[in-house]
Amino acid sequence: MRRTGLLAVLLFTATLFLLAGLLPEEKTVPLTHTPWEVMLNAEGDSQLLGITLGKSRLSEAQLIWREQAEITLFLPREAPAKVEAYFQQINLGGIRASLVTEVQVEELRLQQIIDQGARISTQGDGSRKITLDGEGVTIVEESPIVSLTYLPRSNLSTETLQNRFGPPAETLLMATGTEHWLYPRIGLDIAISGQGREVFQFVPPHQFDRLRIPLQSEGREGDAPES
């Protein structure tokens, strides 16, 4: 099961790197939020890009980011259902990027939005992908965002990353050549591919093991980046 979970993480990260290289031109949004402006509130929740993970609803994020998300429900064969909202093209703080957010829908309402799916497709691994509309979209929009993946269009140098975030608490190198910089205090994993592409994955700090444990089972510790 651990192997399956790790494979899913690696495939997901690889897909995100591909998306980062295919982003179209985006609408400019005059906001000052950047991915390195991460704060923790009194309860220890992450606050970034104008939202609070675990608290802010998708509808609030759409207003702040001035973009309508594409909402999809995934039904893996051997894992819980997952609802994602994809923002294809935004500009936050002058940085062009796309965003993928995970939205937590109450379990009792999941079946409701599954039944109201506008389009259902079966993936090669037997999982199902459901595109929502109507009331299903409304239910998701009023649900909280619990994780966020940020894909910048432009490459950011390791020097820039370290200047913005400081040295990582831990680095892990995958067999694929992707290096992960881990910042558990703010719930951040920065994945840096061999081609220099970066993917930022944010979760609430108290849930950081969701990111760390699958990576640790396969990766090896790397040298701390030079300052």
Protein backbone atom coordinates (compact mmCIF):
# COMPACT_ATOMS: atom_id res chain seq x y z
CA MET A 1 0.00 0.00 0.00
CA ARG A 2 2.90 2.34 0.76
CA ARG A 3 4.33 1.62 -2.68
CA THR A 4 0.99 2.43 -4.29
CA GLY A 5 0.74 5.68 -2.35
CA LEU A 6 4.26 6.71 -3.35
CA LEU A 7 3.62 5.89 -7.00
CA ALA A 8 0.51 8.08 -6.91
CA VAL A 9 2.53 10.94 -5.39
CA LEU A 10 5.27 10.64 -8.02
CA LEU A 11 2.80 10.42 -10.91
CA PHE A 12 0.86 13.40 -9.57
CA THR A 13 4.06 15.46 -9.23
CA ALA A 14 5.19 14.51 -12.75
CA THR A 15 1.81 15.57 -14.14
CA LEU A 16 2.08 18.91 -12.36
CA PHE A 17 5.53 19.54 -13.85
CA LEU A 18 4.05 18.87 -17.30
CA LEU A 19 1.20 21.28 -16.64
CA ALA A 20 3.65 23.95 -15.54
CA GLY A 21 5.35 23.79 -18.92
CA LEU A 22 2.09 24.06 -20.86
CA LEU A 23 0.42 27.00 -19.16
CA PRO A 24 -1.25 29.44 -21.60
CA GLU A 25 -1.10 33.20 -21.30
CA GLU A 26 -3.03 34.34 -18.26
CA LYS A 27 -5.18 37.21 -17.07
CA THR A 28 -3.36 39.68 -14.90
CA VAL A 29 -4.69 39.92 -11.36
CA PRO A 30 -3.48 43.01 -9.46
CA LEU A 31 -2.72 41.28 -6.16
CA THR A 32 0.29 41.40 -3.86
CA HIS A 33 0.03 37.79 -2.64
CA THR A 34 3.03 35.57 -3.39
CA PRO A 35 3.68 31.91 -2.45
CA TRP A 36 6.43 32.86 0.01
CA GLU A 37 4.15 35.09 2.07
CA VAL A 38 3.06 32.28 4.42
CA MET A 39 1.82 33.06 7.91
CA LEU A 40 0.38 30.93 10.71
CA ASN A 41 -2.67 32.12 12.61
CA ALA A 42 -3.23 31.60 16.34
CA GLU A 43 -4.59 28.09 15.68
CA GLY A 44 -1.53 27.14 13.60
CA ASP A 45 -3.38 27.23 10.26
CA SER A 46 -1.47 28.27 7.12
CA GLN A 47 -2.45 31.59 5.58
CA LEU A 48 -1.20 32.23 2.04
CA LEU A 49 -2.31 33.72 -1.26
CA GLY A 50 -5.16 35.42 0.56
CA ILE A 51 -6.76 32.27 2.02
CA THR A 52 -6.50 30.09 5.13
CA LEU A 53 -6.07 26.35 4.50
CA GLY A 54 -8.81 24.34 6.13
CA LYS A 55 -11.00 27.41 6.66
CA SER A 56 -11.45 29.41 3.44
CA ARG A 57 -14.14 28.20 1.04
CA LEU A 58 -13.49 27.70 -2.66
CA SER A 59 -15.95 30.51 -3.45
CA GLU A 60 -13.78 32.92 -1.43
CA ALA A 61 -10.66 31.86 -3.31
CA GLN A 62 -12.39 32.40 -6.65
CA LEU A 63 -13.22 35.96 -5.64
CA ILE A 64 -9.70 36.67 -4.38
CA TRP A 65 -7.95 35.13 -7.38
CA ARG A 66 -10.56 36.45 -9.85
CA GLU A 67 -10.76 33.16 -11.67
CA GLN A 68 -13.45 30.48 -11.98
CA ALA A 69 -12.11 27.03 -11.17
CA GLU A 70 -12.65 23.84 -13.12
CA ILE A 71 -14.00 21.37 -10.54
CA THR A 72 -13.41 17.62 -10.82
CA LEU A 73 -14.23 14.71 -8.52
CA PHE A 74 -11.83 11.76 -8.61
CA LEU A 75 -12.89 8.28 -7.49
CA PRO A 76 -9.73 6.11 -7.19
CA ARG A 77 -10.18 2.35 -6.99
CA GLU A 78 -8.44 1.93 -3.64
CA ALA A 79 -8.48 5.38 -2.05
CA PRO A 80 -11.07 7.89 -0.81
CA ALA A 81 -12.80 10.25 -3.21
CA LYS A 82 -10.96 13.52 -3.87
CA VAL A 83 -12.36 16.82 -5.10
CA GLU A 84 -10.01 19.20 -6.92
CA ALA A 85 -10.48 22.71 -8.26
CA TYR A 86 -8.07 23.76 -11.00
CA PHE A 87 -7.25 27.39 -11.73
CA GLN A 88 -5.64 27.41 -15.13
CA GLN A 89 -4.17 30.89 -15.39
CA ILE A 90 -3.71 33.55 -12.75
CA ASN A 91 -1.18 36.23 -11.87
CA LEU A 92 -0.52 36.71 -8.17
CA GLY A 93 2.04 39.29 -7.11
CA GLY A 94 3.35 39.51 -10.67
CA ILE A 95 4.08 35.76 -10.86
CA ARG A 96 2.22 33.81 -13.54
CA ALA A 97 1.03 30.42 -12.37
CA SER A 98 -1.74 27.87 -12.18
CA LEU A 99 -3.21 26.41 -8.99
CA VAL A 100 -4.68 23.06 -8.01
CA THR A 101 -6.64 23.04 -4.77
CA GLU A 102 -8.05 20.09 -2.86
CA VAL A 103 -11.53 20.79 -1.49
CA GLN A 104 -12.98 18.88 1.46
CA VAL A 105 -16.64 18.05 0.90
CA GLU A 106 -18.73 16.60 3.73
CA GLU A 107 -19.02 12.85 3.33
CA LEU A 108 -22.82 12.92 3.34
CA ARG A 109 -22.80 15.26 0.34
CA LEU A 110 -20.24 13.38 -1.73
CA GLN A 111 -22.77 10.91 -3.09
CA GLN A 112 -25.06 13.79 -3.94
CA ILE A 113 -22.48 15.46 -6.15
CA ILE A 114 -21.47 12.12 -7.65
CA ASP A 115 -25.08 11.54 -8.71
CA GLN A 116 -25.24 15.03 -10.20
CA GLY A 117 -22.02 14.72 -12.19
CA ALA A 118 -22.24 16.16 -15.68
CA ARG A 119 -19.69 13.84 -17.23
CA ILE A 120 -18.04 10.61 -16.04
CA SER A 121 -14.93 9.10 -17.59
CA THR A 122 -12.97 5.98 -16.61
CA GLN A 123 -9.19 6.25 -16.42
CA GLY A 124 -6.70 3.59 -17.48
CA ASP A 125 -6.22 2.40 -13.90
CA GLY A 126 -9.94 1.88 -13.39
CA SER A 127 -10.51 5.06 -11.39
CA ARG A 128 -13.28 7.44 -12.38
CA LYS A 129 -13.16 11.17 -13.08
CA ILE A 130 -16.40 13.13 -12.71
CA THR A 131 -16.87 16.67 -13.99
CA LEU A 132 -19.47 18.58 -11.97
CA ASP A 133 -22.00 21.25 -12.75
CA GLY A 134 -25.15 22.74 -11.24
CA GLU A 135 -25.78 22.06 -7.57
CA GLY A 136 -22.67 19.89 -7.33
CA VAL A 137 -20.51 22.89 -8.16
CA THR A 138 -22.32 25.00 -5.56
CA ILE A 139 -21.71 22.38 -2.87
CA VAL A 140 -17.99 22.29 -3.67
CA GLU A 141 -17.70 26.07 -3.83
CA GLU A 142 -19.05 26.35 -0.30
CA SER A 143 -16.57 23.76 1.03
CA PRO A 144 -13.11 24.53 2.49
CA ILE A 145 -9.78 24.28 0.67
CA VAL A 146 -7.51 21.87 2.55
CA SER A 147 -4.41 21.81 0.36
CA LEU A 148 -2.95 23.87 -2.45
CA THR A 149 -0.49 23.15 -5.25
CA TYR A 150 1.14 26.15 -6.91
CA LEU A 151 2.78 25.82 -10.34
CA PRO A 152 4.76 28.90 -11.41
CA ARG A 153 5.10 29.45 -15.15
CA SER A 154 8.63 30.81 -14.83
CA ASN A 155 11.49 28.89 -13.29
CA LEU A 156 12.70 30.15 -9.92
CA SER A 157 16.37 29.61 -9.10
CA THR A 158 17.41 27.71 -5.99
CA GLU A 159 19.02 30.93 -4.80
CA THR A 160 15.69 32.74 -5.09
CA LEU A 161 13.86 29.94 -3.26
CA GLN A 162 16.36 29.93 -0.42
CA ASN A 163 16.30 33.71 -0.16
CA ARG A 164 12.50 33.64 0.09
CA PHE A 165 11.98 30.60 2.33
CA GLY A 166 15.36 30.07 3.95
CA PRO A 167 17.14 26.70 3.99
CA PRO A 168 14.78 23.69 4.11
CA ALA A 169 14.51 21.63 7.28
CA GLU A 170 15.06 18.51 5.17
CA THR A 171 15.85 17.62 1.56
CA LEU A 172 14.99 14.36 -0.17
CA LEU A 173 16.18 13.17 -3.57
CA MET A 174 13.94 10.84 -5.57
CA ALA A 175 15.11 8.18 -8.00
CA THR A 176 13.56 10.28 -10.77
CA GLY A 177 16.02 13.10 -10.01
CA THR A 178 13.37 15.31 -8.44
CA GLU A 179 14.55 16.98 -5.24
CA HIS A 180 12.11 17.88 -2.47
CA TRP A 181 12.74 20.75 -0.07
CA LEU A 182 10.63 20.26 3.06
CA TYR A 183 9.42 23.07 5.33
CA PRO A 184 7.20 21.35 7.90
CA ARG A 185 6.75 24.47 10.05
CA ILE A 186 4.67 26.12 7.31
CA GLY A 187 3.44 22.88 5.66
CA LEU A 188 5.39 23.29 2.40
CA ASP A 189 7.09 20.86 0.03
CA ILE A 190 8.95 22.38 -2.93
CA ALA A 191 9.58 19.78 -5.63
CA ILE A 192 12.37 20.72 -8.05
CA SER A 193 12.68 18.61 -11.18
CA GLY A 194 15.89 17.86 -13.04
CA GLN A 195 14.79 20.39 -15.64
CA GLY A 196 14.54 23.13 -12.99
CA ARG A 197 10.74 23.22 -12.80
CA GLU A 198 9.26 23.88 -9.36
CA VAL A 199 6.02 22.70 -7.80
CA PHE A 200 4.92 24.09 -4.43
CA GLN A 201 2.61 21.88 -2.34
CA PHE A 202 1.03 23.40 0.76
CA VAL A 203 -0.88 21.52 3.46
CA PRO A 204 -1.80 22.52 7.03
CA PRO A 205 1.39 22.07 9.12
CA HIS A 206 -0.27 19.52 11.42
CA GLN A 207 -0.94 17.35 8.33
CA PHE A 208 2.58 17.57 6.92
CA ASP A 209 3.15 13.82 7.19
CA ARG A 210 0.72 13.47 4.27
CA LEU A 211 3.58 14.78 2.13
CA ARG A 212 6.62 13.61 4.06
CA ILE A 213 5.95 9.93 4.74
CA PRO A 214 5.41 8.77 1.11
CA LEU A 215 8.55 10.66 0.05
CA GLN A 216 10.71 9.32 2.87
CA SER A 217 9.89 5.74 1.97
CA GLU A 218 11.57 6.14 -1.44
CA GLY A 219 13.84 9.17 -1.29
CA ARG A 220 17.22 9.60 0.30
CA GLU A 221 18.42 12.57 2.27
CA GLY A 222 20.19 15.20 0.23
CA ASP A 223 22.77 17.76 1.13
CA ALA A 224 21.38 21.02 2.49
CA PRO A 225 21.39 23.72 -0.22
CA GLU A 226 24.30 26.10 -0.01
CA SER A 227 23.42 29.54 1.30
